[in-house]
Amino acid sequence: MTTGRSPQQQPELDDEALGGRGVVAVLRLLGSGATSAILTALGDGALRTRGLTERAPGYTPRTVYRYVSKLVEIGAVEREEEPGVPSKVVHRLIDPCGVDLCYLVEAYATASMKRLSNGGIDIHSSGSLALLADMWESGLFEVLNLGPCTATELAHVGHGLSFHQVSRRTGLFMIGGLIAETQDEGRRRRYELTEQARRGMALIAGLARWREKHVISDKEPGLTALEMAHLLGAALPLAVLSEPVEKRLRITVVASDGDRTANEDLVVEVSPDGVVTRQFEPTADVDGWARGKVAAWIDALLGERSSGSRIRVGGDDGPLAKSLLDVLSEVLWTRPEGLPVQL
C-alpha cells in the first residue's frame, strides 16, 4: 500500500467530527456506507472520482460521494481539483491520518473479513462493523462477554432498550455473524459471542491507537480501563497454547489517572490442553499476574513487542502472560482457515 506523499497538514480532530464519542464512533463510520471500500481503494494511490466509484462495487456513486465527504471532514482524505474543461477531482489519502486508518482497515480485512475478487471489502463484512459498534455502545457486548444469555437476560441489563429492541438487535447480530444460538441444559435458547465478534477486538484495539494519535479531544487514552478489560476478556479465549499447562493468571488494567479504584482485574485459566477461559469467581489463588496501562495492553495486542516491557509480570508463572499475549496477537492478525480470501 503506497501513496508516495509526504506528511500533510491536516485539521485537528475531536470526537464530534467523527459523529460520536470514543472508539465506537470510528468503528461505526467504518461500518457505514462505503467508508471502508473508499479507504482500501485509495490505498493503492490517488483516484479520480469515476475511478473511485468503480473501485467501490455495490455502492452507488451518490453513496461514495457522501462518504468521501465524511473522510475529508475527519482529515483522512483530501480532494484536489485539476484544471481543465471539465475540471477533474482527484482523491488521495492524507498522510499520516488517512494512511494509518487505511493500513489498519487493510490489516484487519486481510485477517478477518471477506474480500472481493478485486481486493475490495465485502459489503456485508463492512456492515458487520456497524453492528459491532452498536453491540459495544449499547452494553449488550459487555453482558454477552460474561457468557451465553437469553433474550430476557439481555433485556434487563440497564441499557434502556425494550425487549422488542433487544430481540431485533439479536436478530441483526446473528445475521452479521457476531452472535450464535446455543441451548443450556433446560433447552432455553441463549446467545453467545462468535469468533468473528471476538476477532473484532483487534480492530477496536487498532482504532484506539489511531484515535490516540489523530483525534484531539481531552487527551484521554483510546480506551478506558474498563473497556480494555472487556476487550481482553473477549479476545483471550481465541488464544490456545501449544504446550501443556494448567495455570491461573490475574490480568490488571491500570487506570491512566492513577486512581487505583478504577483499575480493572480479570482472571483467566489455562487448561491442560492450552484453552483459555475467563474465571468470574473472586480468588486470590493465582499462579502469576500481569499489569499495565491501557496503552501497554493495546501495544501487546497489536504485536508491538518494543513496548511489551511496559507490562509488568510476577508470580511463579508471570511470563506465561506474555507468552499468552504473543499467541493472541498472532491469532488476531492471522487469517483463520476456512475464511474465504475471495468471493
C-alpha atoms as a PDB file:
ATOM      1  CA  MET A   1       0.000   0.000   0.000  1.00  0.00           C
ATOM      2  CA  THR A   2       1.666   3.216  -1.122  1.00  0.00           C
ATOM      3  CA  THR A   3       0.725   6.830  -1.501  1.00  0.00           C
ATOM      4  CA  GLY A   4       4.013   8.477  -2.480  1.00  0.00           C
ATOM      5  CA  ARG A   5       3.090  11.519  -0.427  1.00  0.00           C
ATOM      6  CA  SER A   6       4.914  13.372   2.317  1.00  0.00           C
ATOM      7  CA  PRO A   7       3.114  14.185   5.581  1.00  0.00           C
ATOM      8  CA  GLN A   8       0.482  16.858   5.005  1.00  0.00           C
ATOM      9  CA  GLN A   9      -1.149  19.493   7.132  1.00  0.00           C
ATOM     10  CA  GLN A  10      -4.455  18.250   8.481  1.00  0.00           C
ATOM     11  CA  PRO A  11      -7.141  19.654  10.768  1.00  0.00           C
ATOM     12  CA  GLU A  12      -7.163  18.957  14.468  1.00  0.00           C
ATOM     13  CA  LEU A  13      -9.914  16.483  15.195  1.00  0.00           C
ATOM     14  CA  ASP A  14     -12.249  15.810  18.048  1.00  0.00           C
ATOM     15  CA  ASP A  15     -14.907  13.190  18.640  1.00  0.00           C
ATOM     16  CA  GLU A  16     -17.652  15.467  17.350  1.00  0.00           C
ATOM     17  CA  ALA A  17     -16.035  15.437  13.898  1.00  0.00           C
ATOM     18  CA  LEU A  18     -16.441  11.664  13.926  1.00  0.00           C
ATOM     19  CA  GLY A  19     -20.135  11.933  14.746  1.00  0.00           C
ATOM     20  CA  GLY A  20     -19.941  10.430  18.209  1.00  0.00           C
ATOM     21  CA  ARG A  21     -17.862   9.654  21.234  1.00  0.00           C
ATOM     22  CA  GLY A  22     -14.866   7.363  21.535  1.00  0.00           C
ATOM     23  CA  VAL A  23     -13.719   4.390  19.509  1.00  0.00           C
ATOM     24  CA  VAL A  24     -17.289   3.342  18.766  1.00  0.00           C
ATOM     25  CA  ALA A  25     -17.741   6.433  16.583  1.00  0.00           C
ATOM     26  CA  VAL A  26     -14.808   5.458  14.361  1.00  0.00           C
ATOM     27  CA  LEU A  27     -15.991   1.845  14.239  1.00  0.00           C
ATOM     28  CA  ARG A  28     -19.473   2.945  13.188  1.00  0.00           C
ATOM     29  CA  LEU A  29     -18.016   5.207  10.495  1.00  0.00           C
ATOM     30  CA  LEU A  30     -16.022   2.289   9.038  1.00  0.00           C
ATOM     31  CA  GLY A  31     -19.146   0.128   9.048  1.00  0.00           C
ATOM     32  CA  SER A  32     -21.350   2.749   7.428  1.00  0.00           C
ATOM     33  CA  GLY A  33     -21.821   3.236   3.706  1.00  0.00           C
ATOM     34  CA  ALA A  34     -18.745   2.996   1.511  1.00  0.00           C
ATOM     35  CA  THR A  35     -16.144   4.199   4.043  1.00  0.00           C
ATOM     36  CA  SER A  36     -14.027   1.035   4.203  1.00  0.00           C
ATOM     37  CA  ALA A  37     -14.284   0.486   0.453  1.00  0.00           C
ATOM     38  CA  ILE A  38     -13.060   4.034  -0.221  1.00  0.00           C
ATOM     39  CA  LEU A  39     -10.093   3.652   2.114  1.00  0.00           C
ATOM     40  CA  THR A  40      -8.949   0.372   0.551  1.00  0.00           C
ATOM     41  CA  ALA A  41      -9.424   1.757  -2.965  1.00  0.00           C
ATOM     42  CA  LEU A  42      -7.282   4.813  -2.209  1.00  0.00           C
ATOM     43  CA  GLY A  43      -4.663   2.640  -0.509  1.00  0.00           C
ATOM     44  CA  ASP A  44      -3.168   1.899  -3.933  1.00  0.00           C
ATOM     45  CA  GLY A  45      -2.882   5.572  -4.844  1.00  0.00           C
ATOM     46  CA  ALA A  46      -4.882   8.649  -5.821  1.00  0.00           C
ATOM     47  CA  LEU A  47      -8.053   8.191  -7.864  1.00  0.00           C
ATOM     48  CA  ARG A  48     -10.336  10.466  -9.824  1.00  0.00           C
ATOM     49  CA  THR A  49     -13.992  10.422  -8.906  1.00  0.00           C
ATOM     50  CA  ARG A  50     -15.067   7.962 -11.583  1.00  0.00           C
ATOM     51  CA  GLY A  51     -12.235   5.573 -10.811  1.00  0.00           C
ATOM     52  CA  LEU A  52     -13.089   5.709  -7.125  1.00  0.00           C
ATOM     53  CA  THR A  53     -16.732   4.786  -7.730  1.00  0.00           C
ATOM     54  CA  GLU A  54     -15.655   1.905  -9.950  1.00  0.00           C
ATOM     55  CA  ARG A  55     -13.381   0.605  -7.181  1.00  0.00           C
ATOM     56  CA  ALA A  56     -16.281   0.559  -4.705  1.00  0.00           C
ATOM     57  CA  PRO A  57     -18.675  -2.018  -6.200  1.00  0.00           C
ATOM     58  CA  GLY A  58     -22.032  -2.422  -4.515  1.00  0.00           C
ATOM     59  CA  TYR A  59     -22.316   1.268  -3.700  1.00  0.00           C
ATOM     60  CA  THR A  60     -23.987   3.955  -5.764  1.00  0.00           C
ATOM     61  CA  PRO A  61     -21.877   6.950  -6.857  1.00  0.00           C
ATOM     62  CA  ARG A  62     -24.009   9.126  -4.585  1.00  0.00           C
ATOM     63  CA  THR A  63     -23.132   6.953  -1.578  1.00  0.00           C
ATOM     64  CA  VAL A  64     -19.429   7.091  -2.470  1.00  0.00           C
ATOM     65  CA  TYR A  65     -19.544  10.900  -2.753  1.00  0.00           C
ATOM     66  CA  ARG A  66     -21.273  11.197   0.620  1.00  0.00           C
ATOM     67  CA  TYR A  67     -18.747   9.041   2.491  1.00  0.00           C
ATOM     68  CA  VAL A  68     -15.753  10.603   0.761  1.00  0.00           C
ATOM     69  CA  SER A  69     -17.009  13.872   2.253  1.00  0.00           C
ATOM     70  CA  LYS A  70     -17.037  12.290   5.722  1.00  0.00           C
ATOM     71  CA  LEU A  71     -13.452  11.111   5.286  1.00  0.00           C
ATOM     72  CA  VAL A  72     -12.452  14.588   4.077  1.00  0.00           C
ATOM     73  CA  GLU A  73     -14.114  16.072   7.159  1.00  0.00           C
ATOM     74  CA  ILE A  74     -12.071  13.957   9.579  1.00  0.00           C
ATOM     75  CA  GLY A  75      -8.799  14.653   7.774  1.00  0.00           C
ATOM     76  CA  ALA A  76      -8.305  11.178   6.287  1.00  0.00           C
ATOM     77  CA  VAL A  77      -8.829  12.077   2.592  1.00  0.00           C
ATOM     78  CA  GLU A  78      -8.149  15.214   0.573  1.00  0.00           C
ATOM     79  CA  ARG A  79      -9.758  16.390  -2.655  1.00  0.00           C
ATOM     80  CA  GLU A  80      -7.704  18.199  -5.274  1.00  0.00           C
ATOM     81  CA  GLU A  81      -9.314  19.796  -8.311  1.00  0.00           C
ATOM     82  CA  GLU A  82      -7.291  19.514 -11.504  1.00  0.00           C
ATOM     83  CA  PRO A  83      -7.721  22.382 -14.012  1.00  0.00           C
ATOM     84  CA  GLY A  84      -9.371  21.696 -17.319  1.00  0.00           C
ATOM     85  CA  VAL A  85     -12.737  21.637 -19.046  1.00  0.00           C
ATOM     86  CA  PRO A  86     -14.409  19.944 -17.428  1.00  0.00           C
ATOM     87  CA  SER A  87     -12.327  20.055 -14.249  1.00  0.00           C
ATOM     88  CA  LYS A  88     -11.433  16.755 -12.594  1.00  0.00           C
ATOM     89  CA  VAL A  89     -11.294  15.947  -8.910  1.00  0.00           C
ATOM     90  CA  VAL A  90      -8.580  13.670  -7.541  1.00  0.00           C
ATOM     91  CA  HIS A  91      -8.902  11.968  -4.159  1.00  0.00           C
ATOM     92  CA  ARG A  92      -5.965  10.756  -2.076  1.00  0.00           C
ATOM     93  CA  LEU A  93      -5.230   9.634   1.468  1.00  0.00           C
ATOM     94  CA  ILE A  94      -3.742  12.205   3.813  1.00  0.00           C
ATOM     95  CA  ASP A  95      -0.544  11.077   5.490  1.00  0.00           C
ATOM     96  CA  PRO A  96      -0.486  10.138   8.341  1.00  0.00           C
ATOM     97  CA  CYS A  97      -4.148  10.217   9.422  1.00  0.00           C
ATOM     98  CA  GLY A  98      -5.714   8.611   6.351  1.00  0.00           C
ATOM     99  CA  VAL A  99      -2.745   6.358   5.605  1.00  0.00           C
ATOM    100  CA  ASP A 100      -2.770   4.965   9.152  1.00  0.00           C
ATOM    101  CA  LEU A 101      -6.518   4.342   9.037  1.00  0.00           C
ATOM    102  CA  CYS A 102      -6.255   2.648   5.648  1.00  0.00           C
ATOM    103  CA  TYR A 103      -3.380   0.461   6.833  1.00  0.00           C
ATOM    104  CA  LEU A 104      -5.397  -0.637   9.867  1.00  0.00           C
ATOM    105  CA  VAL A 105      -8.500  -1.455   7.818  1.00  0.00           C
ATOM    106  CA  GLU A 106      -6.408  -3.393   5.306  1.00  0.00           C
ATOM    107  CA  ALA A 107      -4.637  -5.378   8.026  1.00  0.00           C
ATOM    108  CA  TYR A 108      -7.893  -6.254   9.757  1.00  0.00           C
ATOM    109  CA  ALA A 109      -9.654  -7.094   6.487  1.00  0.00           C
ATOM    110  CA  THR A 110      -6.785  -9.375   5.470  1.00  0.00           C
ATOM    111  CA  ALA A 111      -7.069 -11.245   8.763  1.00  0.00           C
ATOM    112  CA  SER A 112     -10.804 -11.285   9.467  1.00  0.00           C
ATOM    113  CA  MET A 113     -13.050 -10.060   6.626  1.00  0.00           C
ATOM    114  CA  LYS A 114     -14.328 -11.460   3.351  1.00  0.00           C
ATOM    115  CA  ARG A 115     -12.654  -9.927   0.318  1.00  0.00           C
ATOM    116  CA  LEU A 116     -13.872  -9.371  -3.220  1.00  0.00           C
ATOM    117  CA  SER A 117     -12.002 -10.627  -6.273  1.00  0.00           C
ATOM    118  CA  ASN A 118     -10.734  -7.076  -6.950  1.00  0.00           C
ATOM    119  CA  GLY A 119      -9.274  -6.845  -3.430  1.00  0.00           C
ATOM    120  CA  GLY A 120     -12.123  -4.758  -2.031  1.00  0.00           C
ATOM    121  CA  ILE A 121     -14.049  -5.497   1.154  1.00  0.00           C
ATOM    122  CA  ASP A 122     -17.308  -7.432   1.020  1.00  0.00           C
ATOM    123  CA  ILE A 123     -20.215  -5.069   1.718  1.00  0.00           C
ATOM    124  CA  HIS A 124     -21.751  -7.390   4.334  1.00  0.00           C
ATOM    125  CA  SER A 125     -18.445  -7.745   6.190  1.00  0.00           C
ATOM    126  CA  SER A 126     -18.148  -3.979   6.280  1.00  0.00           C
ATOM    127  CA  GLY A 127     -21.702  -3.627   7.590  1.00  0.00           C
ATOM    128  CA  SER A 128     -20.956  -6.002  10.470  1.00  0.00           C
ATOM    129  CA  LEU A 129     -18.590  -3.364  11.872  1.00  0.00           C
ATOM    130  CA  ALA A 130     -21.525  -1.010  12.435  1.00  0.00           C
ATOM    131  CA  LEU A 131     -23.344  -3.842  14.228  1.00  0.00           C
ATOM    132  CA  LEU A 132     -20.298  -4.435  16.418  1.00  0.00           C
ATOM    133  CA  ALA A 133     -20.306  -0.722  17.248  1.00  0.00           C
ATOM    134  CA  ASP A 134     -23.974  -0.937  18.219  1.00  0.00           C
ATOM    135  CA  MET A 135     -23.349  -4.015  20.368  1.00  0.00           C
ATOM    136  CA  TRP A 136     -20.426  -2.307  22.115  1.00  0.00           C
ATOM    137  CA  GLU A 137     -22.196   1.018  22.690  1.00  0.00           C
ATOM    138  CA  SER A 138     -25.489  -0.457  23.899  1.00  0.00           C
ATOM    139  CA  GLY A 139     -23.850  -2.520  26.641  1.00  0.00           C
ATOM    140  CA  LEU A 140     -25.032  -5.804  25.140  1.00  0.00           C
ATOM    141  CA  PHE A 141     -21.451  -6.760  24.321  1.00  0.00           C
ATOM    142  CA  GLU A 142     -20.463  -6.400  27.965  1.00  0.00           C
ATOM    143  CA  VAL A 143     -23.222  -8.795  29.035  1.00  0.00           C
ATOM    144  CA  LEU A 144     -22.538 -11.355  26.303  1.00  0.00           C
ATOM    145  CA  ASN A 145     -18.880 -11.196  27.228  1.00  0.00           C
ATOM    146  CA  LEU A 146     -19.773 -12.756  30.583  1.00  0.00           C
ATOM    147  CA  GLY A 147     -21.251 -15.839  28.927  1.00  0.00           C
ATOM    148  CA  PRO A 148     -24.315 -17.076  26.995  1.00  0.00           C
ATOM    149  CA  CYS A 149     -27.513 -15.100  27.721  1.00  0.00           C
ATOM    150  CA  THR A 150     -31.195 -15.424  26.914  1.00  0.00           C
ATOM    151  CA  ALA A 151     -33.021 -12.551  25.239  1.00  0.00           C
ATOM    152  CA  THR A 152     -34.807 -11.900  28.529  1.00  0.00           C
ATOM    153  CA  GLU A 153     -31.494 -11.612  30.374  1.00  0.00           C
ATOM    154  CA  LEU A 154     -30.181  -9.255  27.721  1.00  0.00           C
ATOM    155  CA  ALA A 155     -33.268  -7.080  28.089  1.00  0.00           C
ATOM    156  CA  HIS A 156     -32.604  -6.490  31.794  1.00  0.00           C
ATOM    157  CA  VAL A 157     -29.095  -5.097  31.862  1.00  0.00           C
ATOM    158  CA  GLY A 158     -29.874  -1.403  32.326  1.00  0.00           C
ATOM    159  CA  HIS A 159     -29.164  -0.198  28.793  1.00  0.00           C
ATOM    160  CA  GLY A 160     -32.628   1.320  28.381  1.00  0.00           C
ATOM    161  CA  LEU A 161     -33.680  -0.947  25.494  1.00  0.00           C
ATOM    162  CA  SER A 162     -37.044  -2.669  25.417  1.00  0.00           C
ATOM    163  CA  PHE A 163     -37.403  -6.421  24.994  1.00  0.00           C
ATOM    164  CA  HIS A 164     -38.542  -5.810  21.398  1.00  0.00           C
ATOM    165  CA  GLN A 165     -35.485  -3.652  20.677  1.00  0.00           C
ATOM    166  CA  VAL A 166     -33.162  -6.279  22.153  1.00  0.00           C
ATOM    167  CA  SER A 167     -34.855  -9.051  20.144  1.00  0.00           C
ATOM    168  CA  ARG A 168     -34.465  -7.054  16.960  1.00  0.00           C
ATOM    169  CA  ARG A 169     -30.808  -6.413  17.673  1.00  0.00           C
ATOM    170  CA  THR A 170     -30.053 -10.046  18.457  1.00  0.00           C
ATOM    171  CA  GLY A 171     -31.537 -10.959  15.071  1.00  0.00           C
ATOM    172  CA  LEU A 172     -29.293  -8.424  13.344  1.00  0.00           C
ATOM    173  CA  PHE A 173     -26.248  -9.553  15.319  1.00  0.00           C
ATOM    174  CA  MET A 174     -26.900 -13.143  14.249  1.00  0.00           C
ATOM    175  CA  ILE A 175     -27.207 -12.121  10.594  1.00  0.00           C
ATOM    176  CA  GLY A 176     -23.970 -10.168  10.957  1.00  0.00           C
ATOM    177  CA  GLY A 177     -22.216 -13.238  12.372  1.00  0.00           C
ATOM    178  CA  LEU A 178     -21.479 -11.647  15.747  1.00  0.00           C
ATOM    179  CA  ILE A 179     -23.551 -13.976  17.931  1.00  0.00           C
ATOM    180  CA  ALA A 180     -24.801 -17.546  17.612  1.00  0.00           C
ATOM    181  CA  GLU A 181     -27.577 -19.533  19.252  1.00  0.00           C
ATOM    182  CA  THR A 182     -26.885 -22.190  21.840  1.00  0.00           C
ATOM    183  CA  GLN A 183     -29.011 -24.071  24.372  1.00  0.00           C
ATOM    184  CA  ASP A 184     -28.474 -24.768  28.048  1.00  0.00           C
ATOM    185  CA  GLU A 185     -29.489 -27.954  29.870  1.00  0.00           C
ATOM    186  CA  GLY A 186     -33.027 -26.653  30.221  1.00  0.00           C
ATOM    187  CA  ARG A 187     -33.175 -26.239  26.430  1.00  0.00           C
ATOM    188  CA  ARG A 188     -33.519 -22.486  26.770  1.00  0.00           C
ATOM    189  CA  ARG A 189     -32.304 -20.520  23.769  1.00  0.00           C
ATOM    190  CA  ARG A 190     -29.219 -18.500  24.559  1.00  0.00           C
ATOM    191  CA  TYR A 191     -26.884 -16.269  22.576  1.00  0.00           C
ATOM    192  CA  GLU A 192     -23.105 -16.216  22.720  1.00  0.00           C
ATOM    193  CA  LEU A 193     -20.301 -14.260  21.079  1.00  0.00           C
ATOM    194  CA  THR A 194     -18.838 -15.799  17.934  1.00  0.00           C
ATOM    195  CA  GLU A 195     -15.205 -15.973  16.920  1.00  0.00           C
ATOM    196  CA  GLN A 196     -15.927 -13.162  14.452  1.00  0.00           C
ATOM    197  CA  ALA A 197     -17.062 -10.883  17.278  1.00  0.00           C
ATOM    198  CA  ARG A 198     -14.005 -11.773  19.352  1.00  0.00           C
ATOM    199  CA  ARG A 199     -11.688 -11.134  16.415  1.00  0.00           C
ATOM    200  CA  GLY A 200     -13.255  -7.685  16.135  1.00  0.00           C
ATOM    201  CA  MET A 201     -11.326  -6.783  19.296  1.00  0.00           C
ATOM    202  CA  ALA A 202      -8.213  -6.472  17.130  1.00  0.00           C
ATOM    203  CA  LEU A 203      -9.834  -3.678  15.145  1.00  0.00           C
ATOM    204  CA  ILE A 204     -11.091  -1.934  18.279  1.00  0.00           C
ATOM    205  CA  ALA A 205      -7.568  -2.008  19.724  1.00  0.00           C
ATOM    206  CA  GLY A 206      -6.173  -0.614  16.479  1.00  0.00           C
ATOM    207  CA  LEU A 207      -8.794   2.139  16.354  1.00  0.00           C
ATOM    208  CA  ALA A 208      -7.994   3.058  19.939  1.00  0.00           C
ATOM    209  CA  ARG A 209      -4.375   3.574  18.914  1.00  0.00           C
ATOM    210  CA  TRP A 210      -5.423   5.546  15.795  1.00  0.00           C
ATOM    211  CA  ARG A 211      -7.682   7.720  17.925  1.00  0.00           C
ATOM    212  CA  GLU A 212      -4.863   8.414  20.394  1.00  0.00           C
ATOM    213  CA  LYS A 213      -2.660   9.610  17.546  1.00  0.00           C
ATOM    214  CA  HIS A 214      -5.123  11.557  15.432  1.00  0.00           C
ATOM    215  CA  VAL A 215      -8.219  12.544  17.408  1.00  0.00           C
ATOM    216  CA  ILE A 216      -7.530  15.504  19.646  1.00  0.00           C
ATOM    217  CA  SER A 217     -10.048  15.911  22.442  1.00  0.00           C
ATOM    218  CA  ASP A 218      -9.327  15.550  26.159  1.00  0.00           C
ATOM    219  CA  LYS A 219      -6.020  13.694  25.696  1.00  0.00           C
ATOM    220  CA  GLU A 220      -7.558  10.594  27.287  1.00  0.00           C
ATOM    221  CA  PRO A 221      -6.328   7.135  26.234  1.00  0.00           C
ATOM    222  CA  GLY A 222      -8.015   5.432  23.303  1.00  0.00           C
ATOM    223  CA  LEU A 223      -9.958   3.163  25.664  1.00  0.00           C
ATOM    224  CA  THR A 224     -10.884   3.330  29.325  1.00  0.00           C
ATOM    225  CA  ALA A 225      -9.523   0.713  31.718  1.00  0.00           C
ATOM    226  CA  LEU A 226     -12.970  -0.904  31.830  1.00  0.00           C
ATOM    227  CA  GLU A 227     -13.253  -1.025  28.031  1.00  0.00           C
ATOM    228  CA  MET A 228      -9.762  -2.517  27.813  1.00  0.00           C
ATOM    229  CA  ALA A 229     -10.732  -5.212  30.306  1.00  0.00           C
ATOM    230  CA  HIS A 230     -13.839  -6.038  28.235  1.00  0.00           C
ATOM    231  CA  LEU A 231     -11.666  -6.244  25.123  1.00  0.00           C
ATOM    232  CA  LEU A 232      -9.130  -8.577  26.744  1.00  0.00           C
ATOM    233  CA  GLY A 233     -11.872 -10.733  28.248  1.00  0.00           C
ATOM    234  CA  ALA A 234     -13.427 -11.232  24.823  1.00  0.00           C
ATOM    235  CA  ALA A 235     -10.208 -11.802  22.883  1.00  0.00           C
ATOM    236  CA  LEU A 236      -8.209 -14.057  25.230  1.00  0.00           C
ATOM    237  CA  PRO A 237     -10.326 -17.210  24.617  1.00  0.00           C
ATOM    238  CA  LEU A 238      -9.062 -17.105  21.000  1.00  0.00           C
ATOM    239  CA  ALA A 239      -5.542 -17.905  22.213  1.00  0.00           C
ATOM    240  CA  VAL A 240      -4.643 -21.590  22.563  1.00  0.00           C
ATOM    241  CA  LEU A 241      -1.223 -22.510  23.926  1.00  0.00           C
ATOM    242  CA  SER A 242       0.559 -25.404  22.260  1.00  0.00           C
ATOM    243  CA  GLU A 243       2.386 -26.622  25.377  1.00  0.00           C
ATOM    244  CA  PRO A 244       0.545 -28.428  28.218  1.00  0.00           C
ATOM    245  CA  VAL A 245      -0.068 -26.082  31.121  1.00  0.00           C
ATOM    246  CA  GLU A 246      -2.681 -25.647  33.838  1.00  0.00           C
ATOM    247  CA  LYS A 247      -2.372 -22.203  35.371  1.00  0.00           C
ATOM    248  CA  ARG A 248      -4.453 -19.297  36.559  1.00  0.00           C
ATOM    249  CA  LEU A 249      -3.426 -15.714  35.814  1.00  0.00           C
ATOM    250  CA  ARG A 250      -4.625 -12.332  37.039  1.00  0.00           C
ATOM    251  CA  ILE A 251      -4.560  -9.542  34.466  1.00  0.00           C
ATOM    252  CA  THR A 252      -4.838  -5.951  35.678  1.00  0.00           C
ATOM    253  CA  VAL A 253      -5.563  -2.926  33.506  1.00  0.00           C
ATOM    254  CA  VAL A 254      -4.234   0.122  35.347  1.00  0.00           C
ATOM    255  CA  ALA A 255      -6.286   3.314  35.102  1.00  0.00           C
ATOM    256  CA  SER A 256      -4.399   6.118  33.363  1.00  0.00           C
ATOM    257  CA  ASP A 257      -5.260   8.730  36.006  1.00  0.00           C
ATOM    258  CA  GLY A 258      -3.615   6.758  38.814  1.00  0.00           C
ATOM    259  CA  ASP A 259      -6.913   6.065  40.600  1.00  0.00           C
ATOM    260  CA  ARG A 260      -6.430   2.526  41.907  1.00  0.00           C
ATOM    261  CA  THR A 261     -10.149   2.108  42.472  1.00  0.00           C
ATOM    262  CA  ALA A 262     -10.593   2.445  38.689  1.00  0.00           C
ATOM    263  CA  ASN A 263      -8.198  -0.430  37.925  1.00  0.00           C
ATOM    264  CA  GLU A 264      -9.832  -3.453  36.295  1.00  0.00           C
ATOM    265  CA  ASP A 265      -8.912  -7.079  37.061  1.00  0.00           C
ATOM    266  CA  LEU A 266      -9.771 -10.252  35.231  1.00  0.00           C
ATOM    267  CA  VAL A 267      -8.674 -13.805  35.940  1.00  0.00           C
ATOM    268  CA  VAL A 268      -8.099 -16.338  33.184  1.00  0.00           C
ATOM    269  CA  GLU A 269      -7.422 -20.037  33.482  1.00  0.00           C
ATOM    270  CA  VAL A 270      -5.331 -22.019  31.041  1.00  0.00           C
ATOM    271  CA  SER A 271      -6.452 -25.665  30.896  1.00  0.00           C
ATOM    272  CA  PRO A 272      -4.069 -28.617  30.397  1.00  0.00           C
ATOM    273  CA  ASP A 273      -4.888 -28.571  26.665  1.00  0.00           C
ATOM    274  CA  GLY A 274      -3.965 -24.881  26.373  1.00  0.00           C
ATOM    275  CA  VAL A 275      -7.520 -23.499  26.142  1.00  0.00           C
ATOM    276  CA  VAL A 276      -8.054 -20.127  27.842  1.00  0.00           C
ATOM    277  CA  THR A 277     -11.255 -19.364  29.739  1.00  0.00           C
ATOM    278  CA  ARG A 278     -12.240 -16.409  31.860  1.00  0.00           C
ATOM    279  CA  GLN A 279     -12.990 -17.046  35.536  1.00  0.00           C
ATOM    280  CA  PHE A 280     -15.605 -14.995  37.373  1.00  0.00           C
ATOM    281  CA  GLU A 281     -15.300 -16.355  40.892  1.00  0.00           C
ATOM    282  CA  PRO A 282     -13.223 -13.947  43.014  1.00  0.00           C
ATOM    283  CA  THR A 283      -9.962 -15.614  44.018  1.00  0.00           C
ATOM    284  CA  ALA A 284      -6.543 -14.661  45.301  1.00  0.00           C
ATOM    285  CA  ASP A 285      -5.117 -18.012  44.254  1.00  0.00           C
ATOM    286  CA  VAL A 286      -3.258 -17.304  41.013  1.00  0.00           C
ATOM    287  CA  ASP A 287      -0.026 -18.684  39.599  1.00  0.00           C
ATOM    288  CA  GLY A 288       1.061 -15.435  38.022  1.00  0.00           C
ATOM    289  CA  TRP A 289      -0.019 -11.885  37.260  1.00  0.00           C
ATOM    290  CA  ALA A 290       0.448  -9.161  34.687  1.00  0.00           C
ATOM    291  CA  ARG A 291      -0.409  -5.471  34.940  1.00  0.00           C
ATOM    292  CA  GLY A 292      -0.074  -2.443  32.715  1.00  0.00           C
ATOM    293  CA  LYS A 293      -1.832   0.664  31.484  1.00  0.00           C
ATOM    294  CA  VAL A 294      -4.269   0.674  28.580  1.00  0.00           C
ATOM    295  CA  ALA A 295      -1.612   1.738  26.063  1.00  0.00           C
ATOM    296  CA  ALA A 296       0.626  -1.184  27.018  1.00  0.00           C
ATOM    297  CA  TRP A 297      -2.158  -3.737  26.522  1.00  0.00           C
ATOM    298  CA  ILE A 298      -3.015  -2.181  23.161  1.00  0.00           C
ATOM    299  CA  ASP A 299       0.653  -2.426  22.159  1.00  0.00           C
ATOM    300  CA  ALA A 300       0.659  -6.110  23.070  1.00  0.00           C
ATOM    301  CA  LEU A 301      -2.479  -6.873  21.049  1.00  0.00           C
ATOM    302  CA  LEU A 302      -1.073  -5.014  18.059  1.00  0.00           C
ATOM    303  CA  GLY A 303       2.115  -7.054  18.280  1.00  0.00           C
ATOM    304  CA  GLU A 304       4.337  -4.090  19.123  1.00  0.00           C
ATOM    305  CA  ARG A 305       6.907  -6.003  21.138  1.00  0.00           C
ATOM    306  CA  SER A 306       9.114  -2.982  21.708  1.00  0.00           C
ATOM    307  CA  SER A 307       6.536  -1.656  24.159  1.00  0.00           C
ATOM    308  CA  GLY A 308       5.824  -5.009  25.788  1.00  0.00           C
ATOM    309  CA  SER A 309       8.189  -4.248  28.675  1.00  0.00           C
ATOM    310  CA  ARG A 310       5.623  -1.764  29.947  1.00  0.00           C
ATOM    311  CA  ILE A 311       3.545  -4.741  31.106  1.00  0.00           C
ATOM    312  CA  ARG A 312       4.871  -5.898  34.473  1.00  0.00           C
ATOM    313  CA  VAL A 313       4.629  -9.583  35.328  1.00  0.00           C
ATOM    314  CA  GLY A 314       5.125 -11.506  38.550  1.00  0.00           C
ATOM    315  CA  GLY A 315       4.345 -14.688  40.431  1.00  0.00           C
ATOM    316  CA  ASP A 316       5.625 -18.151  39.657  1.00  0.00           C
ATOM    317  CA  ASP A 317       4.238 -18.042  36.124  1.00  0.00           C
ATOM    318  CA  GLY A 318       4.130 -14.330  35.307  1.00  0.00           C
ATOM    319  CA  PRO A 319       5.998 -14.784  31.988  1.00  0.00           C
ATOM    320  CA  LEU A 320       3.173 -17.080  30.871  1.00  0.00           C
ATOM    321  CA  ALA A 321       1.007 -13.966  30.473  1.00  0.00           C
ATOM    322  CA  LYS A 322       3.400 -12.518  27.887  1.00  0.00           C
ATOM    323  CA  SER A 323       3.502 -15.825  26.023  1.00  0.00           C
ATOM    324  CA  LEU A 324      -0.284 -15.804  26.015  1.00  0.00           C
ATOM    325  CA  LEU A 325      -0.354 -12.262  24.590  1.00  0.00           C
ATOM    326  CA  ASP A 326       2.148 -13.202  21.870  1.00  0.00           C
ATOM    327  CA  VAL A 327      -0.104 -16.083  20.802  1.00  0.00           C
ATOM    328  CA  LEU A 328      -3.185 -13.873  20.947  1.00  0.00           C
ATOM    329  CA  SER A 329      -1.747 -11.069  18.806  1.00  0.00           C
ATOM    330  CA  GLU A 330      -0.679 -13.617  16.187  1.00  0.00           C
ATOM    331  CA  VAL A 331      -4.161 -15.172  16.143  1.00  0.00           C
ATOM    332  CA  LEU A 332      -5.901 -11.810  15.870  1.00  0.00           C
ATOM    333  CA  TRP A 333      -3.845 -10.713  12.863  1.00  0.00           C
ATOM    334  CA  THR A 334      -3.697 -14.049  11.016  1.00  0.00           C
ATOM    335  CA  ARG A 335      -6.451 -15.239   8.694  1.00  0.00           C
ATOM    336  CA  PRO A 336      -8.149 -18.378  10.067  1.00  0.00           C
ATOM    337  CA  GLU A 337      -8.572 -21.454   7.915  1.00  0.00           C
ATOM    338  CA  GLY A 338     -11.935 -21.624   6.189  1.00  0.00           C
ATOM    339  CA  LEU A 339     -12.429 -17.878   5.774  1.00  0.00           C
ATOM    340  CA  PRO A 340     -12.508 -17.247   2.002  1.00  0.00           C
ATOM    341  CA  VAL A 341      -9.920 -14.886   0.578  1.00  0.00           C
ATOM    342  CA  GLN A 342     -12.140 -14.025  -2.385  1.00  0.00           C
ATOM    343  CA  LEU A 343     -15.815 -14.283  -3.232  1.00  0.00           C
END
